[in-house]
Amino acid sequence: MHPTITAFESSPDRGRGQARDMRVRWALEEVGQPYNVRLVSFKAMKEPAHIVLHPFGQIPTYEDGTLTLFESGAIVLHIAERHAGLLPDDANARSRAIAWMFAALSTLEPPVVELGMAMLFERDRSWYAERLPMLQDRVRVRLGELSRRLGAADWLDGAFSAGDLMMVTVLRRLHTSGLLDEYPDIAAYVARGEARPAFRRAFDAQLAVFTAASRS
C-alpha cells in the first residue's frame, strides 16, 4: 500500500507549484516513495469526510495505513524521518535540518504569504500603495538575514535536506514580487532547488492536475 495525499482539484495558483501539497510531493519524490493523490474540490474540503482528516478543512493530508496527518511541515518531517535522503545521519546535523524546516515555516513564510496575499487581493484598496512597501521591507529583512547565513554555500547546512526543501518552497512564492532579484545568492539557491529532478517530477505532477482541470 502506498500513502495517499490530498491536493486541490483545481489549484488557485494556476499550476505554479505553490500549493502546499507540492512540498509533500517533492519530499516523496526525493526519497523515492510511490504515492497516490486524491483530488479534493473546495466544497469537499469543508465537508465532514475531509474535516476528519484535516480539522481546518485544507490540503494536504497524508494517509498511510492507520496514520493520518495534516500540515505540510509535519508530513514532510514524517517522510524525512522514515526514509533516507532528507535528513543527515549525524544527530546534530539532523537537528539543524529540522530547525531550518521550522525557520522556513515560522520565520520566513508568514511575511512572504502576507505580502503575496496583499499583492493578490488588495491592489484595489485605498491603503495598498502605502502598505505594500512595509510588507516588502519585512520580507527584505528576512531575505537579508538568510543571505548572510547562506553565503556562497549551495545549501543551508551542508548537503541538501528537508530544511532546504521547505525553505525553497516558501521562497518560490516571491517569484512574482521581484524581491528575489535583489538577492542573487538566494535566487540561485531557489533555482538549485527547482533544478533537482525530484522537484521537477513533483512540479510536473501538480501542473498536470491544473492542465487537466483547465481542459474539462
N, C-alpha and C. Protein backbone atom coordinates (compact mmCIF):
# COMPACT_ATOMS: atom_id res chain seq x y z
N MET A 1 0.83 -1.19 0.00
CA MET A 1 0.00 0.00 0.00
C MET A 1 0.87 1.25 0.00
N HIS A 2 0.54 2.19 -0.87
CA HIS A 2 1.26 3.45 -0.92
C HIS A 2 0.49 4.51 -0.14
N PRO A 3 1.19 5.48 0.43
CA PRO A 3 0.48 6.57 1.11
C PRO A 3 -0.36 7.37 0.12
N THR A 4 -1.39 8.00 0.62
CA THR A 4 -2.27 8.83 -0.19
C THR A 4 -2.25 10.25 0.34
N ILE A 5 -2.04 11.20 -0.53
CA ILE A 5 -2.10 12.60 -0.14
C ILE A 5 -3.29 13.26 -0.85
N THR A 6 -3.75 14.37 -0.29
CA THR A 6 -4.80 15.13 -0.96
C THR A 6 -4.22 16.39 -1.57
N ALA A 7 -4.86 16.84 -2.65
CA ALA A 7 -4.43 18.04 -3.36
C ALA A 7 -5.66 18.73 -3.93
N PHE A 8 -5.49 20.00 -4.32
CA PHE A 8 -6.59 20.73 -4.93
C PHE A 8 -7.04 20.08 -6.23
N GLU A 9 -8.32 19.94 -6.38
CA GLU A 9 -8.87 19.50 -7.67
C GLU A 9 -8.63 20.57 -8.73
N SER A 10 -8.72 21.83 -8.32
CA SER A 10 -8.44 22.95 -9.21
C SER A 10 -7.65 23.98 -8.40
N SER A 11 -6.34 23.98 -8.56
CA SER A 11 -5.48 24.78 -7.70
C SER A 11 -5.59 26.27 -8.02
N PRO A 12 -5.71 27.11 -6.99
CA PRO A 12 -5.79 28.56 -7.23
C PRO A 12 -4.49 29.17 -7.73
N ASP A 13 -3.39 28.44 -7.67
CA ASP A 13 -2.11 29.00 -8.13
C ASP A 13 -1.89 28.80 -9.62
N ARG A 14 -2.87 28.20 -10.28
CA ARG A 14 -2.82 28.01 -11.74
C ARG A 14 -1.59 27.22 -12.18
N GLY A 15 -1.27 26.20 -11.40
CA GLY A 15 -0.21 25.28 -11.80
C GLY A 15 1.19 25.76 -11.57
N ARG A 16 1.38 26.76 -10.71
CA ARG A 16 2.74 27.28 -10.48
C ARG A 16 3.47 26.51 -9.39
N GLY A 17 2.87 25.49 -8.84
CA GLY A 17 3.56 24.68 -7.85
C GLY A 17 3.69 25.33 -6.49
N GLN A 18 2.75 26.21 -6.14
CA GLN A 18 2.81 26.89 -4.86
C GLN A 18 1.85 26.31 -3.83
N ALA A 19 0.92 25.49 -4.26
CA ALA A 19 0.02 24.84 -3.30
C ALA A 19 0.86 23.94 -2.39
N ARG A 20 0.43 23.80 -1.15
CA ARG A 20 1.29 23.14 -0.17
C ARG A 20 1.41 21.63 -0.36
N ASP A 21 0.59 21.02 -1.19
CA ASP A 21 0.83 19.61 -1.49
C ASP A 21 2.13 19.44 -2.26
N MET A 22 2.62 20.54 -2.89
CA MET A 22 3.88 20.47 -3.64
C MET A 22 5.03 20.05 -2.74
N ARG A 23 5.02 20.52 -1.50
CA ARG A 23 6.09 20.16 -0.57
C ARG A 23 6.09 18.66 -0.30
N VAL A 24 4.91 18.13 -0.12
CA VAL A 24 4.80 16.71 0.19
C VAL A 24 5.16 15.87 -1.03
N ARG A 25 4.67 16.28 -2.20
CA ARG A 25 5.04 15.57 -3.43
C ARG A 25 6.56 15.54 -3.60
N TRP A 26 7.18 16.70 -3.41
CA TRP A 26 8.63 16.81 -3.59
C TRP A 26 9.36 15.89 -2.62
N ALA A 27 8.93 15.90 -1.36
CA ALA A 27 9.58 15.04 -0.36
C ALA A 27 9.46 13.57 -0.75
N LEU A 28 8.29 13.16 -1.17
CA LEU A 28 8.09 11.76 -1.56
C LEU A 28 8.93 11.41 -2.78
N GLU A 29 9.06 12.34 -3.71
CA GLU A 29 9.89 12.10 -4.89
C GLU A 29 11.37 12.02 -4.50
N GLU A 30 11.81 12.85 -3.57
CA GLU A 30 13.21 12.83 -3.15
C GLU A 30 13.59 11.49 -2.53
N VAL A 31 12.69 10.90 -1.76
CA VAL A 31 13.03 9.64 -1.08
C VAL A 31 12.63 8.43 -1.90
N GLY A 32 12.03 8.63 -3.08
CA GLY A 32 11.66 7.52 -3.94
C GLY A 32 10.47 6.72 -3.45
N GLN A 33 9.55 7.38 -2.74
CA GLN A 33 8.37 6.69 -2.21
C GLN A 33 7.18 6.91 -3.14
N PRO A 34 6.67 5.84 -3.77
CA PRO A 34 5.45 5.99 -4.58
C PRO A 34 4.29 6.46 -3.70
N TYR A 35 3.35 7.18 -4.31
CA TYR A 35 2.22 7.69 -3.55
C TYR A 35 1.02 7.87 -4.46
N ASN A 36 -0.14 7.92 -3.84
CA ASN A 36 -1.38 8.19 -4.55
C ASN A 36 -1.85 9.59 -4.20
N VAL A 37 -2.62 10.18 -5.11
CA VAL A 37 -3.16 11.52 -4.88
C VAL A 37 -4.67 11.48 -5.03
N ARG A 38 -5.36 12.00 -4.04
CA ARG A 38 -6.81 12.14 -4.13
C ARG A 38 -7.13 13.63 -4.25
N LEU A 39 -7.74 14.01 -5.36
CA LEU A 39 -8.05 15.40 -5.61
C LEU A 39 -9.34 15.80 -4.89
N VAL A 40 -9.32 16.99 -4.30
CA VAL A 40 -10.43 17.45 -3.48
C VAL A 40 -10.89 18.81 -3.97
N SER A 41 -12.19 18.99 -4.12
CA SER A 41 -12.74 20.29 -4.52
C SER A 41 -12.80 21.21 -3.29
N PHE A 42 -12.99 22.50 -3.54
CA PHE A 42 -13.11 23.44 -2.42
C PHE A 42 -14.32 23.10 -1.56
N LYS A 43 -15.39 22.67 -2.19
CA LYS A 43 -16.59 22.29 -1.44
C LYS A 43 -16.32 21.07 -0.57
N ALA A 44 -15.66 20.07 -1.15
CA ALA A 44 -15.40 18.83 -0.41
C ALA A 44 -14.44 19.05 0.75
N MET A 45 -13.57 20.05 0.63
CA MET A 45 -12.62 20.34 1.71
C MET A 45 -13.31 20.74 3.00
N LYS A 46 -14.53 21.25 2.90
CA LYS A 46 -15.25 21.72 4.08
C LYS A 46 -16.31 20.72 4.55
N GLU A 47 -16.36 19.57 3.92
CA GLU A 47 -17.35 18.56 4.30
C GLU A 47 -16.77 17.61 5.36
N PRO A 48 -17.64 16.95 6.11
CA PRO A 48 -17.20 16.12 7.24
C PRO A 48 -16.14 15.09 6.89
N ALA A 49 -16.23 14.47 5.73
CA ALA A 49 -15.27 13.41 5.38
C ALA A 49 -13.85 13.94 5.31
N HIS A 50 -13.69 15.19 4.88
CA HIS A 50 -12.34 15.77 4.82
C HIS A 50 -11.96 16.41 6.15
N ILE A 51 -12.92 16.98 6.84
CA ILE A 51 -12.63 17.60 8.14
C ILE A 51 -12.08 16.57 9.12
N VAL A 52 -12.49 15.32 8.97
CA VAL A 52 -11.94 14.25 9.81
C VAL A 52 -10.43 14.13 9.60
N LEU A 53 -9.99 14.37 8.37
CA LEU A 53 -8.57 14.27 8.04
C LEU A 53 -7.81 15.56 8.36
N HIS A 54 -8.46 16.68 8.12
CA HIS A 54 -7.83 17.98 8.34
C HIS A 54 -8.84 18.88 9.05
N PRO A 55 -8.67 19.13 10.34
CA PRO A 55 -9.68 19.85 11.11
C PRO A 55 -9.93 21.28 10.63
N PHE A 56 -9.00 21.84 9.84
CA PHE A 56 -9.16 23.19 9.33
C PHE A 56 -9.63 23.22 7.88
N GLY A 57 -9.94 22.05 7.34
CA GLY A 57 -10.51 21.99 6.00
C GLY A 57 -9.58 22.47 4.90
N GLN A 58 -8.32 22.07 4.97
CA GLN A 58 -7.35 22.48 3.98
C GLN A 58 -6.66 21.24 3.39
N ILE A 59 -5.69 21.50 2.51
CA ILE A 59 -4.83 20.44 1.98
C ILE A 59 -3.39 20.86 2.26
N PRO A 60 -2.45 19.91 2.31
CA PRO A 60 -2.61 18.49 2.04
C PRO A 60 -2.93 17.71 3.31
N THR A 61 -3.38 16.49 3.10
CA THR A 61 -3.41 15.49 4.16
C THR A 61 -2.60 14.30 3.68
N TYR A 62 -2.29 13.43 4.63
CA TYR A 62 -1.44 12.27 4.33
C TYR A 62 -2.03 11.08 5.08
N GLU A 63 -2.30 10.00 4.34
CA GLU A 63 -2.83 8.79 4.94
C GLU A 63 -1.94 7.61 4.57
N ASP A 64 -1.51 6.88 5.58
CA ASP A 64 -0.66 5.71 5.36
C ASP A 64 -1.04 4.66 6.41
N GLY A 65 -1.80 3.67 5.99
CA GLY A 65 -2.29 2.67 6.93
C GLY A 65 -3.22 3.32 7.94
N THR A 66 -2.90 3.17 9.22
CA THR A 66 -3.74 3.75 10.27
C THR A 66 -3.35 5.18 10.62
N LEU A 67 -2.31 5.70 9.97
CA LEU A 67 -1.83 7.04 10.28
C LEU A 67 -2.44 8.07 9.34
N THR A 68 -2.97 9.14 9.92
CA THR A 68 -3.44 10.29 9.15
C THR A 68 -2.77 11.54 9.70
N LEU A 69 -2.20 12.35 8.81
CA LEU A 69 -1.53 13.58 9.20
C LEU A 69 -2.07 14.75 8.39
N PHE A 70 -1.99 15.94 8.99
CA PHE A 70 -2.24 17.18 8.26
C PHE A 70 -1.10 18.13 8.58
N GLU A 71 -1.05 19.26 7.87
CA GLU A 71 0.03 20.24 7.93
C GLU A 71 1.25 19.74 7.16
N SER A 72 1.61 20.51 6.14
CA SER A 72 2.67 20.08 5.22
C SER A 72 4.01 19.88 5.93
N GLY A 73 4.33 20.74 6.90
CA GLY A 73 5.60 20.57 7.61
C GLY A 73 5.67 19.27 8.38
N ALA A 74 4.57 18.94 9.07
CA ALA A 74 4.53 17.69 9.83
C ALA A 74 4.62 16.48 8.91
N ILE A 75 3.99 16.59 7.75
CA ILE A 75 4.01 15.46 6.81
C ILE A 75 5.42 15.28 6.24
N VAL A 76 6.06 16.38 5.85
CA VAL A 76 7.41 16.28 5.31
C VAL A 76 8.37 15.74 6.37
N LEU A 77 8.24 16.18 7.60
CA LEU A 77 9.10 15.67 8.66
C LEU A 77 8.88 14.17 8.87
N HIS A 78 7.64 13.74 8.83
CA HIS A 78 7.33 12.31 8.96
C HIS A 78 8.02 11.51 7.85
N ILE A 79 7.91 12.00 6.63
CA ILE A 79 8.54 11.31 5.49
C ILE A 79 10.06 11.29 5.66
N ALA A 80 10.62 12.43 6.05
CA ALA A 80 12.08 12.54 6.19
C ALA A 80 12.62 11.63 7.29
N GLU A 81 11.85 11.44 8.34
CA GLU A 81 12.31 10.61 9.45
C GLU A 81 12.22 9.11 9.13
N ARG A 82 11.42 8.75 8.15
CA ARG A 82 11.21 7.34 7.86
C ARG A 82 11.87 6.86 6.59
N HIS A 83 12.42 7.77 5.81
CA HIS A 83 13.08 7.41 4.56
C HIS A 83 14.40 8.16 4.45
N ALA A 84 15.42 7.49 3.97
CA ALA A 84 16.72 8.13 3.79
C ALA A 84 16.66 9.16 2.67
N GLY A 85 17.43 10.23 2.84
CA GLY A 85 17.58 11.19 1.76
C GLY A 85 17.26 12.62 2.10
N LEU A 86 16.53 12.85 3.19
CA LEU A 86 16.13 14.22 3.53
C LEU A 86 16.65 14.71 4.87
N LEU A 87 17.22 13.82 5.67
CA LEU A 87 17.81 14.21 6.94
C LEU A 87 19.18 13.55 7.07
N PRO A 88 20.17 14.28 7.57
CA PRO A 88 21.52 13.70 7.73
C PRO A 88 21.53 12.57 8.76
N ASP A 89 22.53 11.72 8.67
CA ASP A 89 22.70 10.66 9.66
C ASP A 89 23.22 11.20 10.99
N ASP A 90 24.11 12.20 10.93
CA ASP A 90 24.65 12.78 12.15
C ASP A 90 23.54 13.44 12.96
N ALA A 91 23.48 13.16 14.24
CA ALA A 91 22.38 13.63 15.08
C ALA A 91 22.30 15.15 15.14
N ASN A 92 23.44 15.81 15.28
CA ASN A 92 23.42 17.27 15.37
C ASN A 92 23.00 17.91 14.05
N ALA A 93 23.53 17.38 12.95
CA ALA A 93 23.15 17.90 11.63
C ALA A 93 21.67 17.65 11.36
N ARG A 94 21.19 16.52 11.83
CA ARG A 94 19.77 16.19 11.68
C ARG A 94 18.91 17.22 12.41
N SER A 95 19.30 17.55 13.62
CA SER A 95 18.55 18.53 14.39
C SER A 95 18.60 19.91 13.73
N ARG A 96 19.74 20.26 13.16
CA ARG A 96 19.84 21.56 12.48
C ARG A 96 18.94 21.59 11.24
N ALA A 97 18.86 20.49 10.51
CA ALA A 97 17.98 20.44 9.34
C ALA A 97 16.52 20.64 9.75
N ILE A 98 16.14 20.03 10.84
CA ILE A 98 14.76 20.19 11.34
C ILE A 98 14.54 21.63 11.78
N ALA A 99 15.56 22.24 12.40
CA ALA A 99 15.44 23.65 12.79
C ALA A 99 15.19 24.54 11.58
N TRP A 100 15.85 24.23 10.46
CA TRP A 100 15.63 25.02 9.24
C TRP A 100 14.23 24.80 8.69
N MET A 101 13.67 23.62 8.88
CA MET A 101 12.27 23.40 8.48
C MET A 101 11.36 24.35 9.26
N PHE A 102 11.58 24.43 10.57
CA PHE A 102 10.76 25.32 11.40
C PHE A 102 11.00 26.78 11.02
N ALA A 103 12.23 27.13 10.72
CA ALA A 103 12.54 28.51 10.34
C ALA A 103 11.80 28.89 9.06
N ALA A 104 11.77 27.98 8.09
CA ALA A 104 11.07 28.26 6.84
C ALA A 104 9.60 28.54 7.09
N LEU A 105 8.97 27.73 7.95
CA LEU A 105 7.54 27.84 8.18
C LEU A 105 7.16 28.94 9.16
N SER A 106 8.00 29.16 10.17
CA SER A 106 7.65 30.09 11.25
C SER A 106 8.22 31.49 11.07
N THR A 107 9.40 31.60 10.45
CA THR A 107 10.07 32.89 10.34
C THR A 107 9.96 33.48 8.94
N LEU A 108 10.13 32.67 7.91
CA LEU A 108 10.09 33.18 6.53
C LEU A 108 8.68 33.21 5.95
N GLU A 109 7.92 32.14 6.14
CA GLU A 109 6.65 32.04 5.42
C GLU A 109 5.62 33.10 5.82
N PRO A 110 5.45 33.47 7.10
CA PRO A 110 4.41 34.45 7.42
C PRO A 110 4.53 35.78 6.67
N PRO A 111 5.70 36.45 6.67
CA PRO A 111 5.76 37.70 5.91
C PRO A 111 5.68 37.50 4.40
N VAL A 112 6.19 36.38 3.92
CA VAL A 112 6.11 36.09 2.48
C VAL A 112 4.66 35.91 2.05
N VAL A 113 3.90 35.16 2.81
CA VAL A 113 2.49 34.92 2.47
C VAL A 113 1.69 36.21 2.62
N GLU A 114 1.96 36.99 3.65
CA GLU A 114 1.23 38.24 3.84
C GLU A 114 1.45 39.19 2.65
N LEU A 115 2.69 39.25 2.18
CA LEU A 115 2.97 40.07 1.00
C LEU A 115 2.23 39.54 -0.22
N GLY A 116 2.28 38.23 -0.42
CA GLY A 116 1.60 37.64 -1.58
C GLY A 116 0.11 37.86 -1.56
N MET A 117 -0.51 37.73 -0.39
CA MET A 117 -1.95 37.94 -0.29
C MET A 117 -2.31 39.39 -0.58
N ALA A 118 -1.49 40.31 -0.10
CA ALA A 118 -1.76 41.72 -0.37
C ALA A 118 -1.67 42.02 -1.86
N MET A 119 -0.64 41.50 -2.51
CA MET A 119 -0.47 41.73 -3.94
C MET A 119 -1.60 41.12 -4.75
N LEU A 120 -2.17 40.05 -4.23
CA LEU A 120 -3.22 39.35 -4.96
C LEU A 120 -4.60 39.95 -4.72
N PHE A 121 -4.88 40.34 -3.48
CA PHE A 121 -6.24 40.70 -3.11
C PHE A 121 -6.46 42.15 -2.70
N GLU A 122 -5.39 42.94 -2.55
CA GLU A 122 -5.57 44.29 -2.01
C GLU A 122 -5.19 45.39 -2.99
N ARG A 123 -4.90 45.06 -4.21
CA ARG A 123 -4.43 46.07 -5.16
C ARG A 123 -5.41 47.22 -5.36
N ASP A 124 -6.69 46.94 -5.23
CA ASP A 124 -7.69 47.99 -5.45
C ASP A 124 -8.09 48.71 -4.17
N ARG A 125 -7.40 48.43 -3.08
CA ARG A 125 -7.72 49.07 -1.80
C ARG A 125 -6.99 50.41 -1.67
N SER A 126 -7.61 51.32 -0.95
CA SER A 126 -7.03 52.66 -0.82
C SER A 126 -5.69 52.65 -0.10
N TRP A 127 -5.49 51.66 0.76
CA TRP A 127 -4.26 51.62 1.55
C TRP A 127 -3.13 50.83 0.89
N TYR A 128 -3.38 50.24 -0.26
CA TYR A 128 -2.41 49.31 -0.85
C TYR A 128 -1.05 49.97 -1.10
N ALA A 129 -1.05 51.15 -1.72
CA ALA A 129 0.20 51.81 -2.08
C ALA A 129 1.04 52.13 -0.85
N GLU A 130 0.39 52.44 0.26
CA GLU A 130 1.13 52.74 1.48
C GLU A 130 1.56 51.47 2.21
N ARG A 131 0.75 50.44 2.14
CA ARG A 131 1.03 49.21 2.89
C ARG A 131 2.09 48.34 2.20
N LEU A 132 2.12 48.36 0.87
CA LEU A 132 3.00 47.46 0.12
C LEU A 132 4.47 47.63 0.50
N PRO A 133 5.03 48.84 0.54
CA PRO A 133 6.46 48.97 0.89
C PRO A 133 6.78 48.40 2.28
N MET A 134 5.85 48.54 3.22
CA MET A 134 6.07 47.99 4.56
C MET A 134 6.16 46.48 4.51
N LEU A 135 5.27 45.84 3.76
CA LEU A 135 5.29 44.39 3.63
C LEU A 135 6.55 43.92 2.91
N GLN A 136 6.94 44.64 1.88
CA GLN A 136 8.16 44.29 1.16
C GLN A 136 9.38 44.39 2.06
N ASP A 137 9.43 45.43 2.88
CA ASP A 137 10.59 45.60 3.76
C ASP A 137 10.66 44.50 4.82
N ARG A 138 9.52 44.03 5.29
CA ARG A 138 9.52 42.92 6.24
C ARG A 138 10.16 41.68 5.62
N VAL A 139 9.84 41.45 4.36
CA VAL A 139 10.42 40.30 3.67
C VAL A 139 11.90 40.53 3.42
N ARG A 140 12.27 41.76 3.05
CA ARG A 140 13.68 42.08 2.81
C ARG A 140 14.54 41.82 4.04
N VAL A 141 14.02 42.14 5.20
CA VAL A 141 14.77 41.89 6.43
C VAL A 141 15.13 40.41 6.53
N ARG A 142 14.15 39.53 6.29
CA ARG A 142 14.38 38.10 6.41
C ARG A 142 15.29 37.60 5.29
N LEU A 143 15.12 38.14 4.09
CA LEU A 143 15.98 37.71 2.99
C LEU A 143 17.42 38.13 3.23
N GLY A 144 17.61 39.31 3.79
CA GLY A 144 18.97 39.76 4.10
C GLY A 144 19.63 38.86 5.14
N GLU A 145 18.87 38.49 6.16
CA GLU A 145 19.40 37.60 7.19
C GLU A 145 19.74 36.22 6.61
N LEU A 146 18.83 35.73 5.77
CA LEU A 146 19.07 34.43 5.15
C LEU A 146 20.27 34.48 4.22
N SER A 147 20.39 35.57 3.47
CA SER A 147 21.51 35.72 2.55
C SER A 147 22.84 35.70 3.29
N ARG A 148 22.90 36.39 4.41
CA ARG A 148 24.15 36.40 5.19
C ARG A 148 24.50 35.01 5.70
N ARG A 149 23.50 34.25 6.07
CA ARG A 149 23.76 32.90 6.58
C ARG A 149 24.14 31.95 5.44
N LEU A 150 23.47 32.06 4.31
CA LEU A 150 23.73 31.16 3.19
C LEU A 150 25.11 31.40 2.60
N GLY A 151 25.48 32.66 2.44
CA GLY A 151 26.78 32.99 1.87
C GLY A 151 26.96 32.37 0.49
N ALA A 152 28.10 31.71 0.29
CA ALA A 152 28.40 31.10 -1.01
C ALA A 152 28.06 29.61 -1.03
N ALA A 153 27.41 29.13 0.02
CA ALA A 153 27.08 27.70 0.10
C ALA A 153 25.95 27.34 -0.85
N ASP A 154 25.93 26.09 -1.26
CA ASP A 154 24.83 25.62 -2.10
C ASP A 154 23.55 25.42 -1.30
N TRP A 155 23.71 24.91 -0.07
CA TRP A 155 22.56 24.59 0.76
C TRP A 155 22.75 25.16 2.16
N LEU A 156 21.73 25.13 2.97
CA LEU A 156 21.74 25.81 4.25
C LEU A 156 22.72 25.23 5.26
N ASP A 157 22.92 23.91 5.21
CA ASP A 157 23.77 23.28 6.23
C ASP A 157 24.38 22.01 5.65
N GLY A 158 25.36 22.17 4.79
CA GLY A 158 25.97 21.01 4.15
C GLY A 158 25.15 20.51 2.98
N ALA A 159 24.79 19.22 3.01
CA ALA A 159 24.05 18.63 1.90
C ALA A 159 22.59 19.08 1.92
N PHE A 160 21.93 18.94 0.77
CA PHE A 160 20.51 19.23 0.66
C PHE A 160 19.73 18.42 1.69
N SER A 161 18.75 19.07 2.32
CA SER A 161 17.96 18.40 3.34
C SER A 161 16.51 18.86 3.29
N ALA A 162 15.70 18.31 4.19
CA ALA A 162 14.31 18.74 4.30
C ALA A 162 14.22 20.22 4.65
N GLY A 163 15.23 20.76 5.33
CA GLY A 163 15.24 22.19 5.62
C GLY A 163 15.30 23.01 4.34
N ASP A 164 16.13 22.59 3.39
CA ASP A 164 16.19 23.28 2.09
C ASP A 164 14.89 23.11 1.32
N LEU A 165 14.34 21.92 1.36
CA LEU A 165 13.09 21.66 0.65
C LEU A 165 12.00 22.62 1.11
N MET A 166 11.84 22.76 2.42
CA MET A 166 10.81 23.66 2.93
C MET A 166 11.15 25.11 2.62
N MET A 167 12.41 25.49 2.77
CA MET A 167 12.79 26.88 2.51
C MET A 167 12.58 27.26 1.06
N VAL A 168 12.96 26.40 0.13
CA VAL A 168 12.79 26.70 -1.29
C VAL A 168 11.31 26.84 -1.63
N THR A 169 10.45 25.97 -1.08
CA THR A 169 9.03 26.08 -1.41
C THR A 169 8.44 27.38 -0.88
N VAL A 170 8.94 27.88 0.24
CA VAL A 170 8.48 29.17 0.75
C VAL A 170 8.98 30.30 -0.14
N LEU A 171 10.27 30.30 -0.46
CA LEU A 171 10.87 31.38 -1.24
C LEU A 171 10.31 31.46 -2.65
N ARG A 172 9.89 30.34 -3.21
CA ARG A 172 9.32 30.35 -4.56
C ARG A 172 8.10 31.27 -4.66
N ARG A 173 7.44 31.51 -3.55
CA ARG A 173 6.28 32.39 -3.55
C ARG A 173 6.64 33.84 -3.90
N LEU A 174 7.93 34.14 -3.88
CA LEU A 174 8.38 35.50 -4.17
C LEU A 174 8.71 35.74 -5.64
N HIS A 175 8.53 34.73 -6.48
CA HIS A 175 8.92 34.87 -7.89
C HIS A 175 8.25 36.07 -8.55
N THR A 176 6.99 36.32 -8.25
CA THR A 176 6.27 37.41 -8.92
C THR A 176 6.46 38.75 -8.22
N SER A 177 7.13 38.77 -7.08
CA SER A 177 7.28 40.01 -6.32
C SER A 177 8.45 40.85 -6.78
N GLY A 178 9.43 40.22 -7.44
CA GLY A 178 10.65 40.91 -7.83
C GLY A 178 11.70 40.97 -6.74
N LEU A 179 11.37 40.56 -5.53
CA LEU A 179 12.32 40.68 -4.42
C LEU A 179 13.50 39.73 -4.54
N LEU A 180 13.29 38.57 -5.13
CA LEU A 180 14.40 37.64 -5.28
C LEU A 180 15.51 38.22 -6.14
N ASP A 181 15.14 39.10 -7.07
CA ASP A 181 16.15 39.72 -7.93
C ASP A 181 17.12 40.58 -7.14
N GLU A 182 16.72 41.03 -5.97
CA GLU A 182 17.58 41.87 -5.13
C GLU A 182 18.61 41.04 -4.36
N TYR A 183 18.45 39.72 -4.37
CA TYR A 183 19.33 38.83 -3.62
C TYR A 183 19.75 37.68 -4.54
N PRO A 184 20.75 37.93 -5.41
CA PRO A 184 21.14 36.92 -6.41
C PRO A 184 21.53 35.58 -5.80
N ASP A 185 22.12 35.60 -4.61
CA ASP A 185 22.52 34.33 -3.99
C ASP A 185 21.30 33.51 -3.59
N ILE A 186 20.25 34.18 -3.12
CA ILE A 186 19.03 33.45 -2.76
C ILE A 186 18.29 33.01 -4.02
N ALA A 187 18.28 33.85 -5.04
CA ALA A 187 17.66 33.45 -6.31
C ALA A 187 18.34 32.21 -6.87
N ALA A 188 19.68 32.17 -6.77
CA ALA A 188 20.42 31.00 -7.26
C ALA A 188 20.12 29.78 -6.40
N TYR A 189 19.97 29.99 -5.11
CA TYR A 189 19.62 28.90 -4.18
C TYR A 189 18.27 28.30 -4.55
N VAL A 190 17.29 29.15 -4.81
CA VAL A 190 15.97 28.66 -5.22
C VAL A 190 16.07 27.91 -6.54
N ALA A 191 16.83 28.45 -7.47
CA ALA A 191 16.99 27.81 -8.78
C ALA A 191 17.62 26.42 -8.64
N ARG A 192 18.58 26.28 -7.71
CA ARG A 192 19.17 24.96 -7.49
C ARG A 192 18.12 23.96 -7.00
N GLY A 193 17.27 24.42 -6.11
CA GLY A 193 16.21 23.54 -5.63
C GLY A 193 15.27 23.14 -6.75
N GLU A 194 14.89 24.11 -7.57
CA GLU A 194 13.96 23.85 -8.67
C GLU A 194 14.57 22.98 -9.75
N ALA A 195 15.90 22.92 -9.81
CA ALA A 195 16.57 22.10 -10.82
C ALA A 195 16.70 20.64 -10.40
N ARG A 196 16.41 20.32 -9.16
CA ARG A 196 16.54 18.94 -8.72
C ARG A 196 15.51 18.07 -9.45
N PRO A 197 15.91 16.89 -9.91
CA PRO A 197 14.96 16.02 -10.65
C PRO A 197 13.70 15.70 -9.86
N ALA A 198 13.83 15.52 -8.55
CA ALA A 198 12.65 15.21 -7.74
C ALA A 198 11.69 16.39 -7.72
N PHE A 199 12.22 17.61 -7.67
CA PHE A 199 11.35 18.78 -7.74
C PHE A 199 10.61 18.82 -9.06
N ARG A 200 11.33 18.57 -10.15
CA ARG A 200 10.71 18.64 -11.48
C ARG A 200 9.59 17.61 -11.60
N ARG A 201 9.81 16.41 -11.06
CA ARG A 201 8.75 15.39 -11.13
C ARG A 201 7.53 15.84 -10.34
N ALA A 202 7.76 16.39 -9.16
CA ALA A 202 6.65 16.85 -8.33
C ALA A 202 5.92 18.01 -9.00
N PHE A 203 6.68 18.94 -9.55
CA PHE A 203 6.08 20.10 -10.22
C PHE A 203 5.24 19.67 -11.41
N ASP A 204 5.79 18.79 -12.22
CA ASP A 204 5.07 18.32 -13.40
C ASP A 204 3.78 17.59 -13.02
N ALA A 205 3.83 16.83 -11.92
CA ALA A 205 2.63 16.12 -11.47
C ALA A 205 1.56 17.09 -11.03
N GLN A 206 1.96 18.15 -10.30
CA GLN A 206 0.96 19.12 -9.86
C GLN A 206 0.45 19.94 -11.04
N LEU A 207 1.32 20.30 -11.98
CA LEU A 207 0.91 21.06 -13.15
C LEU A 207 -0.07 20.25 -14.00
N ALA A 208 0.14 18.94 -14.10
CA ALA A 208 -0.75 18.09 -14.88
C ALA A 208 -2.17 18.13 -14.35
N VAL A 209 -2.33 18.26 -13.03
CA VAL A 209 -3.67 18.34 -12.45
C VAL A 209 -4.35 19.63 -12.91
N PHE A 210 -3.62 20.75 -12.86
CA PHE A 210 -4.21 22.02 -13.29
C PHE A 210 -4.54 21.99 -14.78
N THR A 211 -3.63 21.42 -15.58
CA THR A 211 -3.87 21.36 -17.02
C THR A 211 -5.11 20.54 -17.35
N ALA A 212 -5.28 19.41 -16.66
CA ALA A 212 -6.45 18.57 -16.88
C ALA A 212 -7.72 19.29 -16.46
N ALA A 213 -7.66 20.02 -15.33
CA ALA A 213 -8.84 20.74 -14.85
C ALA A 213 -9.21 21.86 -15.81
N SER A 214 -8.21 22.49 -16.40
CA SER A 214 -8.47 23.59 -17.33
C SER A 214 -9.14 23.11 -18.61
N ARG A 215 -8.86 21.87 -18.99
CA ARG A 215 -9.42 21.32 -20.23
C ARG A 215 -10.83 20.79 -20.05
N SER A 216 -11.18 20.51 -18.80
CA SER A 216 -12.50 19.88 -18.55
C SER A 216 -13.61 20.93 -18.50
